[in-house]
PDB file of all heavy atoms in Angstrom:
ATOM      1  N   VAL A   1     131.773 298.695  55.733  1.00  0.00           N
ATOM      2  CA  VAL A   1     130.535 298.147  56.269  1.00  0.00           C
ATOM      3  C   VAL A   1     129.582 299.324  56.608  1.00  0.00           C
ATOM      4  O   VAL A   1     128.415 299.253  56.324  1.00  0.00           O
ATOM      5  CB  VAL A   1     130.823 297.294  57.539  1.00  0.00           C
ATOM      6  CG1 VAL A   1     129.538 296.891  58.206  1.00  0.00           C
ATOM      7  CG2 VAL A   1     131.668 296.091  57.162  1.00  0.00           C
ATOM      8  N   ARG A   2     130.138 300.355  57.146  1.00  0.00           N
ATOM      9  CA  ARG A   2     129.348 301.587  57.446  1.00  0.00           C
ATOM     10  C   ARG A   2     128.718 302.125  56.179  1.00  0.00           C
ATOM     11  O   ARG A   2     127.529 302.448  56.128  1.00  0.00           O
ATOM     12  CB  ARG A   2     130.261 302.655  58.071  1.00  0.00           C
ATOM     13  CG  ARG A   2     129.551 303.904  58.435  1.00  0.00           C
ATOM     14  CD  ARG A   2     129.815 305.132  57.533  1.00  0.00           C
ATOM     15  NE  ARG A   2     131.106 305.242  56.956  1.00  0.00           N
ATOM     16  CZ  ARG A   2     131.354 305.791  55.825  1.00  0.00           C
ATOM     17  NH1 ARG A   2     130.371 306.270  55.066  1.00  0.00           N
ATOM     18  NH2 ARG A   2     132.571 305.877  55.314  1.00  0.00           N
ATOM     19  N   TRP A   3     129.476 302.228  55.097  1.00  0.00           N
ATOM     20  CA  TRP A   3     128.922 302.726  53.833  1.00  0.00           C
ATOM     21  C   TRP A   3     127.798 301.858  53.366  1.00  0.00           C
ATOM     22  O   TRP A   3     126.759 302.345  52.941  1.00  0.00           O
ATOM     23  CB  TRP A   3     130.092 302.740  52.763  1.00  0.00           C
ATOM     24  CG  TRP A   3     129.570 302.987  51.427  1.00  0.00           C
ATOM     25  CD1 TRP A   3     129.220 304.169  50.839  1.00  0.00           C
ATOM     26  CD2 TRP A   3     129.278 301.964  50.421  1.00  0.00           C
ATOM     27  NE1 TRP A   3     128.747 303.956  49.589  1.00  0.00           N
ATOM     28  CE2 TRP A   3     128.789 302.612  49.282  1.00  0.00           C
ATOM     29  CE3 TRP A   3     129.413 300.608  50.423  1.00  0.00           C
ATOM     30  CZ2 TRP A   3     128.397 301.922  48.163  1.00  0.00           C
ATOM     31  CZ3 TRP A   3     129.012 299.909  49.275  1.00  0.00           C
ATOM     32  CH2 TRP A   3     128.543 300.589  48.168  1.00  0.00           C
ATOM     33  N   ALA A   4     127.961 300.544  53.469  1.00  0.00           N
ATOM     34  CA  ALA A   4     126.962 299.612  52.968  1.00  0.00           C
ATOM     35  C   ALA A   4     125.677 299.635  53.834  1.00  0.00           C
ATOM     36  O   ALA A   4     124.593 299.389  53.318  1.00  0.00           O
ATOM     37  CB  ALA A   4     127.501 298.199  52.931  1.00  0.00           C
ATOM     38  N   ILE A   5     125.790 299.955  55.121  1.00  0.00           N
ATOM     39  CA  ILE A   5     124.636 299.889  55.962  1.00  0.00           C
ATOM     40  C   ILE A   5     124.159 301.281  56.413  1.00  0.00           C
ATOM     41  O   ILE A   5     123.044 301.704  56.095  1.00  0.00           O
ATOM     42  CB  ILE A   5     124.956 299.006  57.235  1.00  0.00           C
ATOM     43  CG1 ILE A   5     125.264 297.550  56.744  1.00  0.00           C
ATOM     44  CG2 ILE A   5     123.766 298.995  58.187  1.00  0.00           C
ATOM     45  CD1 ILE A   5     125.776 296.691  57.861  1.00  0.00           C
ATOM     46  N   VAL A   6     124.999 301.979  57.209  1.00  0.00           N
ATOM     47  CA  VAL A   6     124.522 303.229  57.800  1.00  0.00           C
ATOM     48  C   VAL A   6     124.194 304.273  56.723  1.00  0.00           C
ATOM     49  O   VAL A   6     123.157 304.941  56.817  1.00  0.00           O
ATOM     50  CB  VAL A   6     125.607 303.783  58.783  1.00  0.00           C
ATOM     51  CG1 VAL A   6     125.149 305.087  59.415  1.00  0.00           C
ATOM     52  CG2 VAL A   6     125.884 302.742  59.892  1.00  0.00           C
ATOM     53  N   ASP A   7     125.088 304.468  55.771  1.00  0.00           N
ATOM     54  CA  ASP A   7     124.829 305.484  54.730  1.00  0.00           C
ATOM     55  C   ASP A   7     123.481 305.166  54.013  1.00  0.00           C
ATOM     56  O   ASP A   7     122.680 306.054  53.738  1.00  0.00           O
ATOM     57  CB  ASP A   7     125.923 305.513  53.702  1.00  0.00           C
ATOM     58  CG  ASP A   7     127.247 306.130  54.216  1.00  0.00           C
ATOM     59  OD1 ASP A   7     127.348 306.250  55.427  1.00  0.00           O
ATOM     60  OD2 ASP A   7     128.104 306.411  53.420  1.00  0.00           O
ATOM     61  N   ASN A   8     123.256 303.898  53.752  1.00  0.00           N
ATOM     62  CA  ASN A   8     122.015 303.537  53.069  1.00  0.00           C
ATOM     63  C   ASN A   8     120.796 303.694  53.956  1.00  0.00           C
ATOM     64  O   ASN A   8     119.694 304.033  53.446  1.00  0.00           O
ATOM     65  CB  ASN A   8     122.099 302.118  52.506  1.00  0.00           C
ATOM     66  CG  ASN A   8     123.025 302.083  51.290  1.00  0.00           C
ATOM     67  OD1 ASN A   8     122.809 302.875  50.368  1.00  0.00           O
ATOM     68  ND2 ASN A   8     123.949 301.197  51.309  1.00  0.00           N
ATOM     69  N   VAL A   9     120.919 303.492  55.260  1.00  0.00           N
ATOM     70  CA  VAL A   9     119.820 303.738  56.191  1.00  0.00           C
ATOM     71  C   VAL A   9     119.520 305.202  56.211  1.00  0.00           C
ATOM     72  O   VAL A   9     118.328 305.603  56.147  1.00  0.00           O
ATOM     73  CB  VAL A   9     120.129 303.210  57.604  1.00  0.00           C
ATOM     74  CG1 VAL A   9     119.158 303.727  58.617  1.00  0.00           C
ATOM     75  CG2 VAL A   9     120.193 301.669  57.605  1.00  0.00           C
ATOM     76  N   LEU A  10     120.552 306.073  56.247  1.00  0.00           N
ATOM     77  CA  LEU A  10     120.295 307.523  56.237  1.00  0.00           C
ATOM     78  C   LEU A  10     119.655 307.987  54.969  1.00  0.00           C
ATOM     79  O   LEU A  10     118.836 308.919  55.014  1.00  0.00           O
ATOM     80  CB  LEU A  10     121.628 308.224  56.499  1.00  0.00           C
ATOM     81  CG  LEU A  10     122.199 308.123  57.908  1.00  0.00           C
ATOM     82  CD1 LEU A  10     123.586 308.720  57.940  1.00  0.00           C
ATOM     83  CD2 LEU A  10     121.304 308.828  58.935  1.00  0.00           C
ATOM     84  N   GLU A  11     119.959 307.334  53.879  1.00  0.00           N
ATOM     85  CA  GLU A  11     119.377 307.679  52.579  1.00  0.00           C
ATOM     86  C   GLU A  11     117.879 307.368  52.501  1.00  0.00           C
ATOM     87  O   GLU A  11     117.150 307.902  51.647  1.00  0.00           O
ATOM     88  CB  GLU A  11     120.098 307.041  51.430  1.00  0.00           C
ATOM     89  CG  GLU A  11     121.428 307.623  51.098  1.00  0.00           C
ATOM     90  CD  GLU A  11     121.315 309.033  50.524  1.00  0.00           C
ATOM     91  OE1 GLU A  11     120.411 309.248  49.678  1.00  0.00           O
ATOM     92  OE2 GLU A  11     122.106 309.861  50.896  1.00  0.00           O
ATOM     93  N   LEU A  12     117.368 306.557  53.466  1.00  0.00           N
ATOM     94  CA  LEU A  12     115.939 306.198  53.427  1.00  0.00           C
ATOM     95  C   LEU A  12     115.065 307.332  53.913  1.00  0.00           C
ATOM     96  O   LEU A  12     113.863 307.351  53.574  1.00  0.00           O
ATOM     97  CB  LEU A  12     115.714 304.978  54.349  1.00  0.00           C
ATOM     98  CG  LEU A  12     116.353 303.651  53.912  1.00  0.00           C
ATOM     99  CD1 LEU A  12     116.135 302.578  54.984  1.00  0.00           C
ATOM    100  CD2 LEU A  12     115.771 303.209  52.583  1.00  0.00           C
ATOM    101  N   PHE A  13     115.619 308.244  54.640  1.00  0.00           N
ATOM    102  CA  PHE A  13     114.842 309.361  55.220  1.00  0.00           C
ATOM    103  C   PHE A  13     115.047 310.642  54.397  1.00  0.00           C
ATOM    104  O   PHE A  13     116.173 311.019  54.186  1.00  0.00           O
ATOM    105  CB  PHE A  13     115.195 309.580  56.696  1.00  0.00           C
ATOM    106  CG  PHE A  13     115.026 308.343  57.511  1.00  0.00           C
ATOM    107  CD1 PHE A  13     116.149 307.535  57.831  1.00  0.00           C
ATOM    108  CD2 PHE A  13     113.788 307.990  57.973  1.00  0.00           C
ATOM    109  CE1 PHE A  13     115.960 306.399  58.604  1.00  0.00           C
ATOM    110  CE2 PHE A  13     113.633 306.808  58.678  1.00  0.00           C
ATOM    111  CZ  PHE A  13     114.683 306.021  59.041  1.00  0.00           C
ATOM    112  N   PRO A  14     113.987 311.307  54.091  1.00  0.00           N
ATOM    113  CA  PRO A  14     114.101 312.540  53.277  1.00  0.00           C
ATOM    114  C   PRO A  14     115.008 313.605  53.929  1.00  0.00           C
ATOM    115  O   PRO A  14     115.742 314.321  53.263  1.00  0.00           O
ATOM    116  CB  PRO A  14     112.690 313.020  53.110  1.00  0.00           C
ATOM    117  CG  PRO A  14     111.829 311.817  53.259  1.00  0.00           C
ATOM    118  CD  PRO A  14     112.586 310.935  54.208  1.00  0.00           C
ATOM    119  N   SER A  15     114.946 313.690  55.244  1.00  0.00           N
ATOM    120  CA  SER A  15     115.728 314.734  55.943  1.00  0.00           C
ATOM    121  C   SER A  15     117.227 314.477  55.912  1.00  0.00           C
ATOM    122  O   SER A  15     118.031 315.370  56.204  1.00  0.00           O
ATOM    123  CB  SER A  15     115.252 314.849  57.394  1.00  0.00           C
ATOM    124  OG  SER A  15     115.574 313.657  58.117  1.00  0.00           O
ATOM    125  N   THR A  16     117.630 313.254  55.583  1.00  0.00           N
ATOM    126  CA  THR A  16     119.063 312.944  55.553  1.00  0.00           C
ATOM    127  C   THR A  16     119.546 312.436  54.204  1.00  0.00           C
ATOM    128  O   THR A  16     120.648 311.971  54.069  1.00  0.00           O
ATOM    129  CB  THR A  16     119.443 311.882  56.644  1.00  0.00           C
ATOM    130  OG1 THR A  16     118.604 310.785  56.536  1.00  0.00           O
ATOM    131  CG2 THR A  16     119.308 312.508  58.031  1.00  0.00           C
ATOM    132  N   ARG A  17     118.697 312.619  53.195  1.00  0.00           N
ATOM    133  CA  ARG A  17     119.118 312.204  51.829  1.00  0.00           C
ATOM    134  C   ARG A  17     120.149 313.152  51.293  1.00  0.00           C
ATOM    135  O   ARG A  17     120.017 314.361  51.432  1.00  0.00           O
ATOM    136  CB  ARG A  17     117.834 312.189  50.922  1.00  0.00           C
ATOM    137  CG  ARG A  17     117.880 311.111  49.925  1.00  0.00           C
ATOM    138  CD  ARG A  17     116.551 310.906  49.241  1.00  0.00           C
ATOM    139  NE  ARG A  17     115.749 309.925  49.981  1.00  0.00           N
ATOM    140  CZ  ARG A  17     114.458 309.964  50.131  1.00  0.00           C
ATOM    141  NH1 ARG A  17     113.745 310.956  49.596  1.00  0.00           N
ATOM    142  NH2 ARG A  17     113.818 309.060  50.807  1.00  0.00           N
ATOM    143  N   GLN A  18     121.166 312.601  50.619  1.00  0.00           N
ATOM    144  CA  GLN A  18     122.184 313.438  49.999  1.00  0.00           C
ATOM    145  C   GLN A  18     121.552 314.236  48.868  1.00  0.00           C
ATOM    146  O   GLN A  18     120.942 313.680  48.020  1.00  0.00           O
ATOM    147  CB  GLN A  18     123.293 312.575  49.453  1.00  0.00           C
ATOM    148  CG  GLN A  18     124.189 311.957  50.447  1.00  0.00           C
ATOM    149  CD  GLN A  18     125.313 311.193  49.764  1.00  0.00           C
ATOM    150  OE1 GLN A  18     125.870 311.622  48.774  1.00  0.00           O
ATOM    151  NE2 GLN A  18     125.666 310.029  50.317  1.00  0.00           N
ATOM    152  N   PRO A  19     121.850 315.578  48.870  1.00  0.00           N
ATOM    153  CA  PRO A  19     121.393 316.333  47.758  1.00  0.00           C
ATOM    154  C   PRO A  19     122.270 316.105  46.539  1.00  0.00           C
ATOM    155  O   PRO A  19     123.388 315.647  46.610  1.00  0.00           O
ATOM    156  CB  PRO A  19     121.556 317.791  48.269  1.00  0.00           C
ATOM    157  CG  PRO A  19     122.649 317.715  49.253  1.00  0.00           C
ATOM    158  CD  PRO A  19     122.533 316.315  49.900  1.00  0.00           C
ATOM    159  N   ASP A  20     121.759 316.427  45.362  1.00  0.00           N
ATOM    160  CA  ASP A  20     122.506 316.309  44.104  1.00  0.00           C
ATOM    161  C   ASP A  20     123.313 317.594  43.998  1.00  0.00           C
ATOM    162  O   ASP A  20     122.875 318.562  43.360  1.00  0.00           O
ATOM    163  CB  ASP A  20     121.589 316.091  42.933  1.00  0.00           C
ATOM    164  CG  ASP A  20     122.326 315.789  41.645  1.00  0.00           C
ATOM    165  OD1 ASP A  20     123.509 315.480  41.728  1.00  0.00           O
ATOM    166  OD2 ASP A  20     121.682 315.862  40.568  1.00  0.00           O
ATOM    167  N   LEU A  21     124.482 317.650  44.613  1.00  0.00           N
ATOM    168  CA  LEU A  21     125.294 318.858  44.678  1.00  0.00           C
ATOM    169  C   LEU A  21     125.872 319.201  43.335  1.00  0.00           C
ATOM    170  O   LEU A  21     126.235 318.344  42.516  1.00  0.00           O
ATOM    171  CB  LEU A  21     126.407 318.654  45.701  1.00  0.00           C
ATOM    172  CG  LEU A  21     125.957 318.393  47.156  1.00  0.00           C
ATOM    173  CD1 LEU A  21     127.071 317.960  48.020  1.00  0.00           C
ATOM    174  CD2 LEU A  21     125.241 319.616  47.725  1.00  0.00           C
ATOM    175  N   ASP A  22     126.102 320.502  43.147  1.00  0.00           N
ATOM    176  CA  ASP A  22     126.709 320.973  41.919  1.00  0.00           C
ATOM    177  C   ASP A  22     128.260 321.008  42.123  1.00  0.00           C
ATOM    178  O   ASP A  22     128.816 321.984  42.479  1.00  0.00           O
ATOM    179  CB  ASP A  22     126.211 322.406  41.584  1.00  0.00           C
ATOM    180  CG  ASP A  22     126.785 322.927  40.311  1.00  0.00           C
ATOM    181  OD1 ASP A  22     127.447 322.195  39.597  1.00  0.00           O
ATOM    182  OD2 ASP A  22     126.432 324.093  40.033  1.00  0.00           O
ATOM    183  N   ARG A  23     128.872 319.882  41.895  1.00  0.00           N
ATOM    184  CA  ARG A  23     130.305 319.711  42.154  1.00  0.00           C
ATOM    185  C   ARG A  23     131.153 320.426  41.118  1.00  0.00           C
ATOM    186  O   ARG A  23     132.350 320.477  41.283  1.00  0.00           O
ATOM    187  CB  ARG A  23     130.657 318.232  42.253  1.00  0.00           C
ATOM    188  CG  ARG A  23     129.948 317.564  43.482  1.00  0.00           C
ATOM    189  CD  ARG A  23     130.373 316.147  43.657  1.00  0.00           C
ATOM    190  NE  ARG A  23     129.520 315.427  44.581  1.00  0.00           N
ATOM    191  CZ  ARG A  23     129.620 315.441  45.907  1.00  0.00           C
ATOM    192  NH1 ARG A  23     130.558 316.139  46.477  1.00  0.00           N
ATOM    193  NH2 ARG A  23     128.806 314.744  46.646  1.00  0.00           N
ATOM    194  N   THR A  24     130.563 320.943  40.034  1.00  0.00           N
ATOM    195  CA  THR A  24     131.349 321.702  39.074  1.00  0.00           C
ATOM    196  C   THR A  24     131.956 322.952  39.727  1.00  0.00           C
ATOM    197  O   THR A  24     132.974 323.457  39.262  1.00  0.00           O
ATOM    198  CB  THR A  24     130.488 322.096  37.859  1.00  0.00           C
ATOM    199  OG1 THR A  24     129.434 322.947  38.303  1.00  0.00           O
ATOM    200  CG2 THR A  24     129.954 320.894  37.121  1.00  0.00           C
ATOM    201  N   LYS A  25     131.368 323.412  40.840  1.00  0.00           N
ATOM    202  CA  LYS A  25     131.888 324.602  41.513  1.00  0.00           C
ATOM    203  C   LYS A  25     133.182 324.329  42.265  1.00  0.00           C
ATOM    204  O   LYS A  25     133.837 325.250  42.735  1.00  0.00           O
ATOM    205  CB  LYS A  25     130.845 325.159  42.486  1.00  0.00           C
ATOM    206  CG  LYS A  25     129.626 325.693  41.768  1.00  0.00           C
ATOM    207  CD  LYS A  25     128.625 326.206  42.735  1.00  0.00           C
ATOM    208  CE  LYS A  25     127.393 326.774  41.946  1.00  0.00           C
ATOM    209  NZ  LYS A  25     126.378 327.323  42.849  1.00  0.00           N
ATOM    210  N   LEU A  26     133.585 323.060  42.390  1.00  0.00           N
ATOM    211  CA  LEU A  26     134.845 322.707  43.078  1.00  0.00           C
ATOM    212  C   LEU A  26     136.058 323.138  42.268  1.00  0.00           C
ATOM    213  O   LEU A  26     137.155 323.043  42.757  1.00  0.00           O
ATOM    214  CB  LEU A  26     134.886 321.208  43.354  1.00  0.00           C
ATOM    215  CG  LEU A  26     133.877 320.752  44.444  1.00  0.00           C
ATOM    216  CD1 LEU A  26     133.911 319.253  44.564  1.00  0.00           C
ATOM    217  CD2 LEU A  26     134.152 321.404  45.765  1.00  0.00           C
ATOM    218  N   LYS A  27     135.879 323.607  41.008  1.00  0.00           N
ATOM    219  CA  LYS A  27     136.982 324.092  40.230  1.00  0.00           C
ATOM    220  C   LYS A  27     137.556 325.364  40.824  1.00  0.00           C
ATOM    221  O   LYS A  27     138.751 325.697  40.668  1.00  0.00           O
ATOM    222  CB  LYS A  27     136.555 324.343  38.776  1.00  0.00           C
ATOM    223  CG  LYS A  27     136.164 323.086  38.051  1.00  0.00           C
ATOM    224  CD  LYS A  27     135.613 323.403  36.696  1.00  0.00           C
ATOM    225  CE  LYS A  27     135.073 322.133  36.027  1.00  0.00           C
ATOM    226  NZ  LYS A  27     134.354 322.467  34.774  1.00  0.00           N
ATOM    227  N   ASP A  28     136.718 326.127  41.516  1.00  0.00           N
ATOM    228  CA  ASP A  28     137.157 327.364  42.173  1.00  0.00           C
ATOM    229  C   ASP A  28     137.973 327.011  43.444  1.00  0.00           C
ATOM    230  O   ASP A  28     137.484 326.270  44.293  1.00  0.00           O
ATOM    231  CB  ASP A  28     135.915 328.252  42.562  1.00  0.00           C
ATOM    232  CG  ASP A  28     136.312 329.450  43.320  1.00  0.00           C
ATOM    233  OD1 ASP A  28     137.185 330.191  42.872  1.00  0.00           O
ATOM    234  OD2 ASP A  28     135.708 329.664  44.394  1.00  0.00           O
ATOM    235  N   PRO A  29     139.189 327.501  43.536  1.00  0.00           N
ATOM    236  CA  PRO A  29     140.065 327.139  44.725  1.00  0.00           C
ATOM    237  C   PRO A  29     139.431 327.497  46.058  1.00  0.00           C
ATOM    238  O   PRO A  29     139.579 326.749  47.031  1.00  0.00           O
ATOM    239  CB  PRO A  29     141.330 327.946  44.486  1.00  0.00           C
ATOM    240  CG  PRO A  29     141.339 328.271  43.039  1.00  0.00           C
ATOM    241  CD  PRO A  29     139.913 328.360  42.630  1.00  0.00           C
ATOM    242  N   ASP A  30     138.744 328.617  46.154  1.00  0.00           N
ATOM    243  CA  ASP A  30     138.093 329.006  47.425  1.00  0.00           C
ATOM    244  C   ASP A  30     136.956 328.051  47.798  1.00  0.00           C
ATOM    245  O   ASP A  30     136.754 327.698  48.963  1.00  0.00           O
ATOM    246  CB  ASP A  30     137.572 330.452  47.367  1.00  0.00           C
ATOM    247  CG  ASP A  30     138.723 331.487  47.301  1.00  0.00           C
ATOM    248  OD1 ASP A  30     139.825 331.131  47.768  1.00  0.00           O
ATOM    249  OD2 ASP A  30     138.475 332.569  46.773  1.00  0.00           O
ATOM    250  N   THR A  31     136.176 327.697  46.788  1.00  0.00           N
ATOM    251  CA  THR A  31     135.073 326.767  47.013  1.00  0.00           C
ATOM    252  C   THR A  31     135.653 325.386  47.415  1.00  0.00           C
ATOM    253  O   THR A  31     135.111 324.743  48.349  1.00  0.00           O
ATOM    254  CB  THR A  31     134.220 326.609  45.738  1.00  0.00           C
ATOM    255  OG1 THR A  31     133.726 327.914  45.397  1.00  0.00           O
ATOM    256  CG2 THR A  31     133.032 325.702  45.971  1.00  0.00           C
TER     257      THR A  31
END
C-alpha cells in the first residue's frame, strides 16, 4: 500500500523524484 501511495506521492515532487541511477556499477563488489 505504501508503494502504491507514498512512493508515488514522493515522485510528484522534483526534490524527491528517484534519479535514473547507473545500476551497472553494482557489478563491483565494493560498490
